[in-house]
Amino acid sequence: MDRTETPCGLDVALLVIGGKWKPLILFHVQDGPTRFSEIRRRVGGVSEKVLIQQLRDLVEMNVLLRRDHHRVPPVVDYALTPFGETLVTALAPLCEWGTVNRERVSAMRESTAMERNALVG
């Protein structure tokens, strides 16, 4: 069976937003056109090469629109397409879940790391 033909649509959603950075990129462009440098600053921790590829993927999937202002120095910004807006709406509950559970997950990660260190040490 094709990965996109399962009874659950998560396979299709992950095909579009799969990867560490795409959901964060979408979060940071949801308020309107955002320049590349601003996305990079807001996302933090992503290399320029990876960010460029993730943005290209989202443009190819018609989630983002890339607008080149044809200026020197180059000015490029990204904005959600109507299709991308539906995706951001779908991701909003996941964002809320993460915010509500941030401390719990952090505590679990710390506990797991301490257990691993105790086994190694």
PDB file of N, CA and C in Angstrom:
ATOM      1  N   MET A   1       0.837  -1.181   0.000  1.00  0.00           N
ATOM      2  CA  MET A   1       0.000   0.000   0.000  1.00  0.00           C
ATOM      3  C   MET A   1       0.886   1.250   0.000  1.00  0.00           C
ATOM      4  N   ASP A   2       0.493   2.232  -0.777  1.00  0.00           N
ATOM      5  CA  ASP A   2       1.178   3.520  -0.830  1.00  0.00           C
ATOM      6  C   ASP A   2       1.066   4.198   0.539  1.00  0.00           C
ATOM      7  N   ARG A   3       2.144   4.844   0.964  1.00  0.00           N
ATOM      8  CA  ARG A   3       2.141   5.524   2.273  1.00  0.00           C
ATOM      9  C   ARG A   3       1.045   6.559   2.396  1.00  0.00           C
ATOM     10  N   THR A   4       0.580   7.118   1.289  1.00  0.00           N
ATOM     11  CA  THR A   4      -0.447   8.157   1.353  1.00  0.00           C
ATOM     12  C   THR A   4      -1.848   7.583   1.219  1.00  0.00           C
ATOM     13  N   GLU A   5      -1.997   6.280   1.310  1.00  0.00           N
ATOM     14  CA  GLU A   5      -3.323   5.672   1.177  1.00  0.00           C
ATOM     15  C   GLU A   5      -3.736   4.921   2.433  1.00  0.00           C
ATOM     16  N   THR A   6      -3.229   5.313   3.580  1.00  0.00           N
ATOM     17  CA  THR A   6      -3.623   4.681   4.831  1.00  0.00           C
ATOM     18  C   THR A   6      -4.923   5.320   5.319  1.00  0.00           C
ATOM     19  N   PRO A   7      -5.634   4.663   6.248  1.00  0.00           N
ATOM     20  CA  PRO A   7      -6.891   5.238   6.748  1.00  0.00           C
ATOM     21  C   PRO A   7      -6.695   6.554   7.508  1.00  0.00           C
ATOM     22  N   CYS A   8      -5.494   6.793   8.029  1.00  0.00           N
ATOM     23  CA  CYS A   8      -5.197   8.015   8.785  1.00  0.00           C
ATOM     24  C   CYS A   8      -4.462   9.002   7.889  1.00  0.00           C
ATOM     25  N   GLY A   9      -4.902  10.228   7.873  1.00  0.00           N
ATOM     26  CA  GLY A   9      -4.289  11.237   7.024  1.00  0.00           C
ATOM     27  C   GLY A   9      -2.976  11.799   7.538  1.00  0.00           C
ATOM     28  N   LEU A  10      -2.488  11.304   8.673  1.00  0.00           N
ATOM     29  CA  LEU A  10      -1.209  11.797   9.176  1.00  0.00           C
ATOM     30  C   LEU A  10      -0.084  11.549   8.192  1.00  0.00           C
ATOM     31  N   ASP A  11      -0.172  10.460   7.434  1.00  0.00           N
ATOM     32  CA  ASP A  11       0.873  10.179   6.457  1.00  0.00           C
ATOM     33  C   ASP A  11       0.959  11.288   5.417  1.00  0.00           C
ATOM     34  N   VAL A  12      -0.183  11.812   5.012  1.00  0.00           N
ATOM     35  CA  VAL A  12      -0.204  12.904   4.033  1.00  0.00           C
ATOM     36  C   VAL A  12       0.318  14.185   4.670  1.00  0.00           C
ATOM     37  N   ALA A  13      -0.132  14.466   5.884  1.00  0.00           N
ATOM     38  CA  ALA A  13       0.330  15.673   6.581  1.00  0.00           C
ATOM     39  C   ALA A  13       1.836  15.636   6.779  1.00  0.00           C
ATOM     40  N   LEU A  14       2.362  14.486   7.192  1.00  0.00           N
ATOM     41  CA  LEU A  14       3.804  14.374   7.423  1.00  0.00           C
ATOM     42  C   LEU A  14       4.594  14.441   6.123  1.00  0.00           C
ATOM     43  N   LEU A  15       3.985  14.038   5.029  1.00  0.00           N
ATOM     44  CA  LEU A  15       4.630  14.178   3.722  1.00  0.00           C
ATOM     45  C   LEU A  15       4.884  15.656   3.425  1.00  0.00           C
ATOM     46  N   VAL A  16       3.968  16.503   3.840  1.00  0.00           N
ATOM     47  CA  VAL A  16       4.087  17.942   3.596  1.00  0.00           C
ATOM     48  C   VAL A  16       4.963  18.623   4.642  1.00  0.00           C
ATOM     49  N   ILE A  17       4.781  18.291   5.922  1.00  0.00           N
ATOM     50  CA  ILE A  17       5.485  19.017   6.992  1.00  0.00           C
ATOM     51  C   ILE A  17       6.575  18.207   7.660  1.00  0.00           C
ATOM     52  N   GLY A  18       6.890  17.043   7.111  1.00  0.00           N
ATOM     53  CA  GLY A  18       7.913  16.201   7.726  1.00  0.00           C
ATOM     54  C   GLY A  18       9.237  16.936   7.826  1.00  0.00           C
ATOM     55  N   GLY A  19       9.937  16.669   8.881  1.00  0.00           N
ATOM     56  CA  GLY A  19      11.214  17.332   9.125  1.00  0.00           C
ATOM     57  C   GLY A  19      11.140  18.143  10.390  1.00  0.00           C
ATOM     58  N   LYS A  20      12.282  18.434  10.919  1.00  0.00           N
ATOM     59  CA  LYS A  20      12.377  19.122  12.197  1.00  0.00           C
ATOM     60  C   LYS A  20      11.931  20.581  12.125  1.00  0.00           C
ATOM     61  N   TRP A  21      12.141  21.228  10.991  1.00  0.00           N
ATOM     62  CA  TRP A  21      12.001  22.685  10.949  1.00  0.00           C
ATOM     63  C   TRP A  21      10.714  23.196  10.314  1.00  0.00           C
ATOM     64  N   LYS A  22      10.068  22.417   9.469  1.00  0.00           N
ATOM     65  CA  LYS A  22       8.915  22.932   8.719  1.00  0.00           C
ATOM     66  C   LYS A  22       7.784  23.445   9.598  1.00  0.00           C
ATOM     67  N   PRO A  23       7.367  22.715  10.642  1.00  0.00           N
ATOM     68  CA  PRO A  23       6.298  23.272  11.481  1.00  0.00           C
ATOM     69  C   PRO A  23       6.694  24.599  12.135  1.00  0.00           C
ATOM     70  N   LEU A  24       7.955  24.731  12.548  1.00  0.00           N
ATOM     71  CA  LEU A  24       8.406  25.989  13.146  1.00  0.00           C
ATOM     72  C   LEU A  24       8.430  27.115  12.116  1.00  0.00           C
ATOM     73  N   ILE A  25       8.840  26.801  10.898  1.00  0.00           N
ATOM     74  CA  ILE A  25       8.828  27.802   9.829  1.00  0.00           C
ATOM     75  C   ILE A  25       7.404  28.302   9.631  1.00  0.00           C
ATOM     76  N   LEU A  26       6.470  27.377   9.550  1.00  0.00           N
ATOM     77  CA  LEU A  26       5.070  27.756   9.334  1.00  0.00           C
ATOM     78  C   LEU A  26       4.549  28.628  10.475  1.00  0.00           C
ATOM     79  N   PHE A  27       4.918  28.289  11.697  1.00  0.00           N
ATOM     80  CA  PHE A  27       4.495  29.103  12.838  1.00  0.00           C
ATOM     81  C   PHE A  27       4.994  30.537  12.688  1.00  0.00           C
ATOM     82  N   HIS A  28       6.215  30.688  12.237  1.00  0.00           N
ATOM     83  CA  HIS A  28       6.827  32.018  12.191  1.00  0.00           C
ATOM     84  C   HIS A  28       6.454  32.839  10.959  1.00  0.00           C
ATOM     85  N   VAL A  29       5.798  32.252   9.987  1.00  0.00           N
ATOM     86  CA  VAL A  29       5.349  33.045   8.827  1.00  0.00           C
ATOM     87  C   VAL A  29       3.840  33.254   8.829  1.00  0.00           C
ATOM     88  N   GLN A  30       3.161  32.776   9.837  1.00  0.00           N
ATOM     89  CA  GLN A  30       1.705  32.839   9.834  1.00  0.00           C
ATOM     90  C   GLN A  30       1.127  34.245   9.932  1.00  0.00           C
ATOM     91  N   ASP A  31       1.908  35.206  10.388  1.00  0.00           N
ATOM     92  CA  ASP A  31       1.385  36.559  10.557  1.00  0.00           C
ATOM     93  C   ASP A  31       1.581  37.452   9.341  1.00  0.00           C
ATOM     94  N   GLY A  32       2.091  36.880   8.258  1.00  0.00           N
ATOM     95  CA  GLY A  32       2.258  37.672   7.045  1.00  0.00           C
ATOM     96  C   GLY A  32       3.633  37.454   6.439  1.00  0.00           C
ATOM     97  N   PRO A  33       3.889  38.111   5.309  1.00  0.00           N
ATOM     98  CA  PRO A  33       5.170  37.930   4.620  1.00  0.00           C
ATOM     99  C   PRO A  33       6.350  38.156   5.566  1.00  0.00           C
ATOM    100  N   THR A  34       7.295  37.214   5.512  1.00  0.00           N
ATOM    101  CA  THR A  34       8.437  37.243   6.411  1.00  0.00           C
ATOM    102  C   THR A  34       9.709  37.026   5.609  1.00  0.00           C
ATOM    103  N   ARG A  35      10.681  37.885   5.829  1.00  0.00           N
ATOM    104  CA  ARG A  35      11.945  37.775   5.106  1.00  0.00           C
ATOM    105  C   ARG A  35      12.745  36.573   5.573  1.00  0.00           C
ATOM    106  N   PHE A  36      13.571  36.056   4.670  1.00  0.00           N
ATOM    107  CA  PHE A  36      14.400  34.892   4.953  1.00  0.00           C
ATOM    108  C   PHE A  36      15.207  35.090   6.234  1.00  0.00           C
ATOM    109  N   SER A  37      15.862  36.238   6.345  1.00  0.00           N
ATOM    110  CA  SER A  37      16.723  36.485   7.512  1.00  0.00           C
ATOM    111  C   SER A  37      15.914  36.490   8.807  1.00  0.00           C
ATOM    112  N   GLU A  38      14.686  36.957   8.743  1.00  0.00           N
ATOM    113  CA  GLU A  38      13.830  36.980   9.933  1.00  0.00           C
ATOM    114  C   GLU A  38      13.395  35.563  10.301  1.00  0.00           C
ATOM    115  N   ILE A  39      13.079  34.745   9.314  1.00  0.00           N
ATOM    116  CA  ILE A  39      12.723  33.350   9.582  1.00  0.00           C
ATOM    117  C   ILE A  39      13.904  32.653  10.252  1.00  0.00           C
ATOM    118  N   ARG A  40      15.089  32.848   9.701  1.00  0.00           N
ATOM    119  CA  ARG A  40      16.287  32.202  10.255  1.00  0.00           C
ATOM    120  C   ARG A  40      16.527  32.630  11.700  1.00  0.00           C
ATOM    121  N   ARG A  41      16.345  33.910  11.975  1.00  0.00           N
ATOM    122  CA  ARG A  41      16.542  34.420  13.333  1.00  0.00           C
ATOM    123  C   ARG A  41      15.498  33.840  14.282  1.00  0.00           C
ATOM    124  N   ARG A  42      14.243  33.808  13.850  1.00  0.00           N
ATOM    125  CA  ARG A  42      13.161  33.334  14.719  1.00  0.00           C
ATOM    126  C   ARG A  42      13.247  31.835  14.983  1.00  0.00           C
ATOM    127  N   VAL A  43      13.569  31.064  13.962  1.00  0.00           N
ATOM    128  CA  VAL A  43      13.626  29.610  14.127  1.00  0.00           C
ATOM    129  C   VAL A  43      14.813  29.229  14.996  1.00  0.00           C
ATOM    130  N   GLY A  44      15.958  29.793  14.755  1.00  0.00           N
ATOM    131  CA  GLY A  44      17.136  29.550  15.583  1.00  0.00           C
ATOM    132  C   GLY A  44      17.619  28.104  15.529  1.00  0.00           C
ATOM    133  N   GLY A  45      18.913  27.934  15.382  1.00  0.00           N
ATOM    134  CA  GLY A  45      19.499  26.598  15.391  1.00  0.00           C
ATOM    135  C   GLY A  45      19.508  25.898  14.056  1.00  0.00           C
ATOM    136  N   VAL A  46      18.857  26.442  13.073  1.00  0.00           N
ATOM    137  CA  VAL A  46      18.813  25.829  11.746  1.00  0.00           C
ATOM    138  C   VAL A  46      19.926  26.430  10.891  1.00  0.00           C
ATOM    139  N   SER A  47      20.615  25.579  10.130  1.00  0.00           N
ATOM    140  CA  SER A  47      21.645  26.099   9.235  1.00  0.00           C
ATOM    141  C   SER A  47      20.974  26.766   8.034  1.00  0.00           C
ATOM    142  N   GLU A  48      21.713  27.644   7.393  1.00  0.00           N
ATOM    143  CA  GLU A  48      21.175  28.333   6.222  1.00  0.00           C
ATOM    144  C   GLU A  48      20.827  27.340   5.121  1.00  0.00           C
ATOM    145  N   LYS A  49      21.698  26.368   4.909  1.00  0.00           N
ATOM    146  CA  LYS A  49      21.475  25.355   3.866  1.00  0.00           C
ATOM    147  C   LYS A  49      20.178  24.577   4.111  1.00  0.00           C
ATOM    148  N   VAL A  50      19.981  24.125   5.339  1.00  0.00           N
ATOM    149  CA  VAL A  50      18.778  23.355   5.669  1.00  0.00           C
ATOM    150  C   VAL A  50      17.537  24.235   5.562  1.00  0.00           C
ATOM    151  N   LEU A  51      17.615  25.465   6.046  1.00  0.00           N
ATOM    152  CA  LEU A  51      16.470  26.366   5.959  1.00  0.00           C
ATOM    153  C   LEU A  51      16.085  26.610   4.514  1.00  0.00           C
ATOM    154  N   ILE A  52      17.065  26.844   3.658  1.00  0.00           N
ATOM    155  CA  ILE A  52      16.773  27.054   2.232  1.00  0.00           C
ATOM    156  C   ILE A  52      16.048  25.845   1.655  1.00  0.00           C
ATOM    157  N   GLN A  53      16.516  24.630   1.980  1.00  0.00           N
ATOM    158  CA  GLN A  53      15.888  23.418   1.441  1.00  0.00           C
ATOM    159  C   GLN A  53      14.473  23.239   1.987  1.00  0.00           C
ATOM    160  N   GLN A  54      14.285  23.490   3.269  1.00  0.00           N
ATOM    161  CA  GLN A  54      12.956  23.350   3.866  1.00  0.00           C
ATOM    162  C   GLN A  54      11.981  24.357   3.242  1.00  0.00           C
ATOM    163  N   LEU A  55      12.438  25.585   3.025  1.00  0.00           N
ATOM    164  CA  LEU A  55      11.595  26.596   2.385  1.00  0.00           C
ATOM    165  C   LEU A  55      11.265  26.188   0.951  1.00  0.00           C
ATOM    166  N   ARG A  56      12.250  25.668   0.220  1.00  0.00           N
ATOM    167  CA  ARG A  56      11.995  25.194  -1.151  1.00  0.00           C
ATOM    168  C   ARG A  56      10.932  24.103  -1.157  1.00  0.00           C
ATOM    169  N   ASP A  57      11.055  23.159  -0.224  1.00  0.00           N
ATOM    170  CA  ASP A  57      10.077  22.072  -0.141  1.00  0.00           C
ATOM    171  C   ASP A  57       8.670  22.616   0.092  1.00  0.00           C
ATOM    172  N   LEU A  58       8.552  23.575   1.006  1.00  0.00           N
ATOM    173  CA  LEU A  58       7.234  24.139   1.306  1.00  0.00           C
ATOM    174  C   LEU A  58       6.674  24.938   0.125  1.00  0.00           C
ATOM    175  N   VAL A  59       7.548  25.598  -0.618  1.00  0.00           N
ATOM    176  CA  VAL A  59       7.110  26.308  -1.824  1.00  0.00           C
ATOM    177  C   VAL A  59       6.642  25.304  -2.879  1.00  0.00           C
ATOM    178  N   GLU A  60       7.412  24.225  -3.071  1.00  0.00           N
ATOM    179  CA  GLU A  60       7.047  23.197  -4.047  1.00  0.00           C
ATOM    180  C   GLU A  60       5.713  22.540  -3.712  1.00  0.00           C
ATOM    181  N   MET A  61       5.406  22.411  -2.423  1.00  0.00           N
ATOM    182  CA  MET A  61       4.149  21.798  -1.997  1.00  0.00           C
ATOM    183  C   MET A  61       2.994  22.808  -1.955  1.00  0.00           C
ATOM    184  N   ASN A  62       3.244  24.023  -2.428  1.00  0.00           N
ATOM    185  CA  ASN A  62       2.233  25.081  -2.473  1.00  0.00           C
ATOM    186  C   ASN A  62       1.740  25.482  -1.077  1.00  0.00           C
ATOM    187  N   VAL A  63       2.616  25.357  -0.096  1.00  0.00           N
ATOM    188  CA  VAL A  63       2.283  25.776   1.264  1.00  0.00           C
ATOM    189  C   VAL A  63       2.735  27.217   1.477  1.00  0.00           C
ATOM    190  N   LEU A  64       3.876  27.562   0.892  1.00  0.00           N
ATOM    191  CA  LEU A  64       4.406  28.922   0.977  1.00  0.00           C
ATOM    192  C   LEU A  64       4.540  29.524  -0.414  1.00  0.00           C
ATOM    193  N   LEU A  65       4.471  30.822  -0.441  1.00  0.00           N
ATOM    194  CA  LEU A  65       4.729  31.594  -1.651  1.00  0.00           C
ATOM    195  C   LEU A  65       6.031  32.351  -1.435  1.00  0.00           C
ATOM    196  N   ARG A  66       6.957  32.219  -2.386  1.00  0.00           N
ATOM    197  CA  ARG A  66       8.235  32.929  -2.314  1.00  0.00           C
ATOM    198  C   ARG A  66       8.151  34.150  -3.220  1.00  0.00           C
ATOM    199  N   ARG A  67       8.464  35.312  -2.658  1.00  0.00           N
ATOM    200  CA  ARG A  67       8.408  36.540  -3.446  1.00  0.00           C
ATOM    201  C   ARG A  67       9.781  37.197  -3.453  1.00  0.00           C
ATOM    202  N   ASP A  68      10.349  37.322  -4.634  1.00  0.00           N
ATOM    203  CA  ASP A  68      11.643  37.977  -4.832  1.00  0.00           C
ATOM    204  C   ASP A  68      11.359  39.409  -5.261  1.00  0.00           C
ATOM    205  N   HIS A  69      11.887  40.372  -4.513  1.00  0.00           N
ATOM    206  CA  HIS A  69      11.613  41.787  -4.794  1.00  0.00           C
ATOM    207  C   HIS A  69      12.575  42.380  -5.824  1.00  0.00           C
ATOM    208  N   HIS A  70      13.489  41.575  -6.341  1.00  0.00           N
ATOM    209  CA  HIS A  70      14.435  41.997  -7.388  1.00  0.00           C
ATOM    210  C   HIS A  70      15.147  43.299  -7.021  1.00  0.00           C
ATOM    211  N   ARG A  71      15.766  43.264  -5.849  1.00  0.00           N
ATOM    212  CA  ARG A  71      16.536  44.411  -5.371  1.00  0.00           C
ATOM    213  C   ARG A  71      17.955  43.976  -5.055  1.00  0.00           C
ATOM    214  N   VAL A  72      18.809  44.977  -4.924  1.00  0.00           N
ATOM    215  CA  VAL A  72      20.166  44.735  -4.460  1.00  0.00           C
ATOM    216  C   VAL A  72      20.345  45.576  -3.198  1.00  0.00           C
ATOM    217  N   PRO A  73      20.680  44.971  -2.082  1.00  0.00           N
ATOM    218  CA  PRO A  73      20.883  43.541  -1.862  1.00  0.00           C
ATOM    219  C   PRO A  73      19.568  42.781  -2.018  1.00  0.00           C
ATOM    220  N   PRO A  74      19.653  41.462  -2.238  1.00  0.00           N
ATOM    221  CA  PRO A  74      18.443  40.668  -2.468  1.00  0.00           C
ATOM    222  C   PRO A  74      17.455  40.760  -1.307  1.00  0.00           C
ATOM    223  N   VAL A  75      16.192  40.905  -1.663  1.00  0.00           N
ATOM    224  CA  VAL A  75      15.112  40.909  -0.683  1.00  0.00           C
ATOM    225  C   VAL A  75      14.110  39.838  -1.122  1.00  0.00           C
ATOM    226  N   VAL A  76      13.967  38.820  -0.277  1.00  0.00           N
ATOM    227  CA  VAL A  76      13.049  37.721  -0.544  1.00  0.00           C
ATOM    228  C   VAL A  76      12.198  37.528   0.690  1.00  0.00           C
ATOM    229  N   ASP A  77      10.900  37.337   0.493  1.00  0.00           N
ATOM    230  CA  ASP A  77      10.066  36.996   1.641  1.00  0.00           C
ATOM    231  C   ASP A  77       9.170  35.813   1.298  1.00  0.00           C
ATOM    232  N   TYR A  78       8.611  35.248   2.347  1.00  0.00           N
ATOM    233  CA  TYR A  78       7.762  34.065   2.233  1.00  0.00           C
ATOM    234  C   TYR A  78       6.449  34.343   2.939  1.00  0.00           C
ATOM    235  N   ALA A  79       5.372  33.856   2.358  1.00  0.00           N
ATOM    236  CA  ALA A  79       4.051  34.011   2.957  1.00  0.00           C
ATOM    237  C   ALA A  79       3.264  32.730   2.735  1.00  0.00           C
ATOM    238  N   LEU A  80       2.287  32.514   3.589  1.00  0.00           N
ATOM    239  CA  LEU A  80       1.435  31.338   3.435  1.00  0.00           C
ATOM    240  C   LEU A  80       0.522  31.492   2.236  1.00  0.00           C
ATOM    241  N   THR A  81       0.312  30.394   1.544  1.00  0.00           N
ATOM    242  CA  THR A  81      -0.729  30.336   0.521  1.00  0.00           C
ATOM    243  C   THR A  81      -2.037  30.007   1.247  1.00  0.00           C
ATOM    244  N   PRO A  82      -3.174  30.106   0.575  1.00  0.00           N
ATOM    245  CA  PRO A  82      -4.425  29.663   1.221  1.00  0.00           C
ATOM    246  C   PRO A  82      -4.341  28.199   1.687  1.00  0.00           C
ATOM    247  N   PHE A  83      -3.695  27.347   0.895  1.00  0.00           N
ATOM    248  CA  PHE A  83      -3.489  25.951   1.276  1.00  0.00           C
ATOM    249  C   PHE A  83      -2.629  25.878   2.542  1.00  0.00           C
ATOM    250  N   GLY A  84      -1.589  26.696   2.606  1.00  0.00           N
ATOM    251  CA  GLY A  84      -0.729  26.739   3.783  1.00  0.00           C
ATOM    252  C   GLY A  84      -1.465  27.219   5.021  1.00  0.00           C
ATOM    253  N   GLU A  85      -2.385  28.148   4.842  1.00  0.00           N
ATOM    254  CA  GLU A  85      -3.176  28.637   5.974  1.00  0.00           C
ATOM    255  C   GLU A  85      -4.000  27.514   6.585  1.00  0.00           C
ATOM    256  N   THR A  86      -4.519  26.607   5.752  1.00  0.00           N
ATOM    257  CA  THR A  86      -5.280  25.480   6.291  1.00  0.00           C
ATOM    258  C   THR A  86      -4.376  24.564   7.102  1.00  0.00           C
ATOM    259  N   LEU A  87      -3.134  24.434   6.682  1.00  0.00           N
ATOM    260  CA  LEU A  87      -2.181  23.595   7.398  1.00  0.00           C
ATOM    261  C   LEU A  87      -1.815  24.216   8.742  1.00  0.00           C
ATOM    262  N   VAL A  88      -1.597  25.515   8.774  1.00  0.00           N
ATOM    263  CA  VAL A  88      -1.277  26.198  10.030  1.00  0.00           C
ATOM    264  C   VAL A  88      -2.452  26.078  11.005  1.00  0.00           C
ATOM    265  N   THR A  89      -3.665  26.169  10.501  1.00  0.00           N
ATOM    266  CA  THR A  89      -4.850  25.999  11.342  1.00  0.00           C
ATOM    267  C   THR A  89      -4.876  24.594  11.951  1.00  0.00           C
ATOM    268  N   ALA A  90      -4.490  23.609  11.156  1.00  0.00           N
ATOM    269  CA  ALA A  90      -4.461  22.233  11.648  1.00  0.00           C
ATOM    270  C   ALA A  90      -3.347  22.030  12.678  1.00  0.00           C
ATOM    271  N   LEU A  91      -2.245  22.748  12.553  1.00  0.00           N
ATOM    272  CA  LEU A  91      -1.124  22.608  13.483  1.00  0.00           C
ATOM    273  C   LEU A  91      -1.346  23.357  14.802  1.00  0.00           C
ATOM    274  N   ALA A  92      -2.266  24.303  14.821  1.00  0.00           N
ATOM    275  CA  ALA A  92      -2.487  25.127  16.018  1.00  0.00           C
ATOM    276  C   ALA A  92      -2.776  24.296  17.273  1.00  0.00           C
ATOM    277  N   PRO A  93      -3.636  23.264  17.223  1.00  0.00           N
ATOM    278  CA  PRO A  93      -3.847  22.465  18.441  1.00  0.00           C
ATOM    279  C   PRO A  93      -2.574  21.746  18.910  1.00  0.00           C
ATOM    280  N   LEU A  94      -1.736  21.329  17.992  1.00  0.00           N
ATOM    281  CA  LEU A  94      -0.479  20.680  18.366  1.00  0.00           C
ATOM    282  C   LEU A  94       0.446  21.684  19.062  1.00  0.00           C
ATOM    283  N   CYS A  95       0.458  22.906  18.576  1.00  0.00           N
ATOM    284  CA  CYS A  95       1.235  23.973  19.203  1.00  0.00           C
ATOM    285  C   CYS A  95       0.738  24.213  20.623  1.00  0.00           C
ATOM    286  N   GLU A  96      -0.563  24.263  20.782  1.00  0.00           N
ATOM    287  CA  GLU A  96      -1.152  24.468  22.106  1.00  0.00           C
ATOM    288  C   GLU A  96      -0.809  23.299  23.038  1.00  0.00           C
ATOM    289  N   TRP A  97      -0.889  22.080  22.532  1.00  0.00           N
ATOM    290  CA  TRP A  97      -0.550  20.905  23.331  1.00  0.00           C
ATOM    291  C   TRP A  97       0.892  21.000  23.820  1.00  0.00           C
ATOM    292  N   GLY A  98       1.793  21.387  22.933  1.00  0.00           N
ATOM    293  CA  GLY A  98       3.198  21.517  23.302  1.00  0.00           C
ATOM    294  C   GLY A  98       3.422  22.578  24.361  1.00  0.00           C
ATOM    295  N   THR A  99       2.709  23.677  24.249  1.00  0.00           N
ATOM    296  CA  THR A  99       2.840  24.751  25.233  1.00  0.00           C
ATOM    297  C   THR A  99       2.348  24.287  26.601  1.00  0.00           C
ATOM    298  N   VAL A 100       1.200  23.620  26.631  1.00  0.00           N
ATOM    299  CA  VAL A 100       0.627  23.134  27.883  1.00  0.00           C
ATOM    300  C   VAL A 100       1.527  22.084  28.535  1.00  0.00           C
ATOM    301  N   ASN A 101       2.164  21.255  27.724  1.00  0.00           N
ATOM    302  CA  ASN A 101       2.947  20.131  28.249  1.00  0.00           C
ATOM    303  C   ASN A 101       4.460  20.350  28.253  1.00  0.00           C
ATOM    304  N   ARG A 102       4.900  21.555  27.997  1.00  0.00           N
ATOM    305  CA  ARG A 102       6.326  21.865  27.904  1.00  0.00           C
ATOM    306  C   ARG A 102       7.099  21.421  29.149  1.00  0.00           C
ATOM    307  N   GLU A 103       6.634  21.802  30.333  1.00  0.00           N
ATOM    308  CA  GLU A 103       7.351  21.466  31.566  1.00  0.00           C
ATOM    309  C   GLU A 103       7.361  19.961  31.819  1.00  0.00           C
ATOM    310  N   ARG A 104       6.248  19.303  31.562  1.00  0.00           N
ATOM    311  CA  ARG A 104       6.168  17.855  31.773  1.00  0.00           C
ATOM    312  C   ARG A 104       7.153  17.110  30.879  1.00  0.00           C
ATOM    313  N   VAL A 105       7.192  17.483  29.613  1.00  0.00           N
ATOM    314  CA  VAL A 105       8.104  16.828  28.666  1.00  0.00           C
ATOM    315  C   VAL A 105       9.545  17.127  29.035  1.00  0.00           C
ATOM    316  N   SER A 106       9.814  18.360  29.425  1.00  0.00           N
ATOM    317  CA  SER A 106      11.168  18.726  29.831  1.00  0.00           C
ATOM    318  C   SER A 106      11.615  17.900  31.027  1.00  0.00           C
ATOM    319  N   ALA A 107      10.736  17.731  32.007  1.00  0.00           N
ATOM    320  CA  ALA A 107      11.069  16.935  33.191  1.00  0.00           C
ATOM    321  C   ALA A 107      11.319  15.476  32.811  1.00  0.00           C
ATOM    322  N   MET A 108      10.511  14.941  31.897  1.00  0.00           N
ATOM    323  CA  MET A 108      10.712  13.555  31.464  1.00  0.00           C
ATOM    324  C   MET A 108      12.050  13.398  30.750  1.00  0.00           C
ATOM    325  N   ARG A 109      12.404  14.376  29.945  1.00  0.00           N
ATOM    326  CA  ARG A 109      13.687  14.311  29.232  1.00  0.00           C
ATOM    327  C   ARG A 109      14.855  14.369  30.201  1.00  0.00           C
ATOM    328  N   GLU A 110      14.758  15.234  31.196  1.00  0.00           N
ATOM    329  CA  GLU A 110      15.825  15.339  32.202  1.00  0.00           C
ATOM    330  C   GLU A 110      15.960  14.034  32.974  1.00  0.00           C
ATOM    331  N   SER A 111      14.837  13.446  33.349  1.00  0.00           N
ATOM    332  CA  SER A 111      14.849  12.186  34.096  1.00  0.00           C
ATOM    333  C   SER A 111      15.484  11.073  33.265  1.00  0.00           C
ATOM    334  N   THR A 112      15.126  10.995  32.006  1.00  0.00           N
ATOM    335  CA  THR A 112      15.683   9.978  31.115  1.00  0.00           C
ATOM    336  C   THR A 112      17.183  10.188  30.938  1.00  0.00           C
ATOM    337  N   ALA A 113      17.609  11.432  30.793  1.00  0.00           N
ATOM    338  CA  ALA A 113      19.041  11.727  30.635  1.00  0.00           C
ATOM    339  C   ALA A 113      19.807  11.342  31.896  1.00  0.00           C
ATOM    340  N   MET A 114      19.254  11.611  33.066  1.00  0.00           N
ATOM    341  CA  MET A 114      19.919  11.248  34.320  1.00  0.00           C
ATOM    342  C   MET A 114      20.018   9.724  34.452  1.00  0.00           C
ATOM    343  N   GLU A 115      18.967   9.002  34.039  1.00  0.00           N
ATOM    344  CA  GLU A 115      19.003   7.542  34.094  1.00  0.00           C
ATOM    345  C   GLU A 115      20.088   6.998  33.164  1.00  0.00           C
ATOM    346  N   ARG A 116      20.200   7.566  31.976  1.00  0.00           N
ATOM    347  CA  ARG A 116      21.235   7.129  31.035  1.00  0.00           C
ATOM    348  C   ARG A 116      22.623   7.388  31.585  1.00  0.00           C
ATOM    349  N   ASN A 117      22.809   8.551  32.166  1.00  0.00           N
ATOM    350  CA  ASN A 117      24.111   8.888  32.744  1.00  0.00           C
ATOM    351  C   ASN A 117      24.472   7.967  33.909  1.00  0.00           C
ATOM    352  N   ALA A 118      23.487   7.574  34.694  1.00  0.00           N
ATOM    353  CA  ALA A 118      23.736   6.677  35.825  1.00  0.00           C
ATOM    354  C   ALA A 118      24.160   5.306  35.325  1.00  0.00           C
ATOM    355  N   LEU A 119      23.568   4.869  34.214  1.00  0.00           N
ATOM    356  CA  LEU A 119      23.940   3.556  33.651  1.00  0.00           C
ATOM    357  C   LEU A 119      25.342   3.564  33.067  1.00  0.00           C
ATOM    358  N   VAL A 120      25.712   4.670  32.458  1.00  0.00           N
ATOM    359  CA  VAL A 120      27.030   4.793  31.832  1.00  0.00           C
ATOM    360  C   VAL A 120      28.104   4.997  32.892  1.00  0.00           C
ATOM    361  N   GLY A 121      27.795   5.828  33.881  1.00  0.00           N
ATOM    362  CA  GLY A 121      28.784   6.205  34.887  1.00  0.00           C
ATOM    363  C   GLY A 121      28.997   5.160  35.891  1.00  0.00           C
TER     364      GLY A 121
END
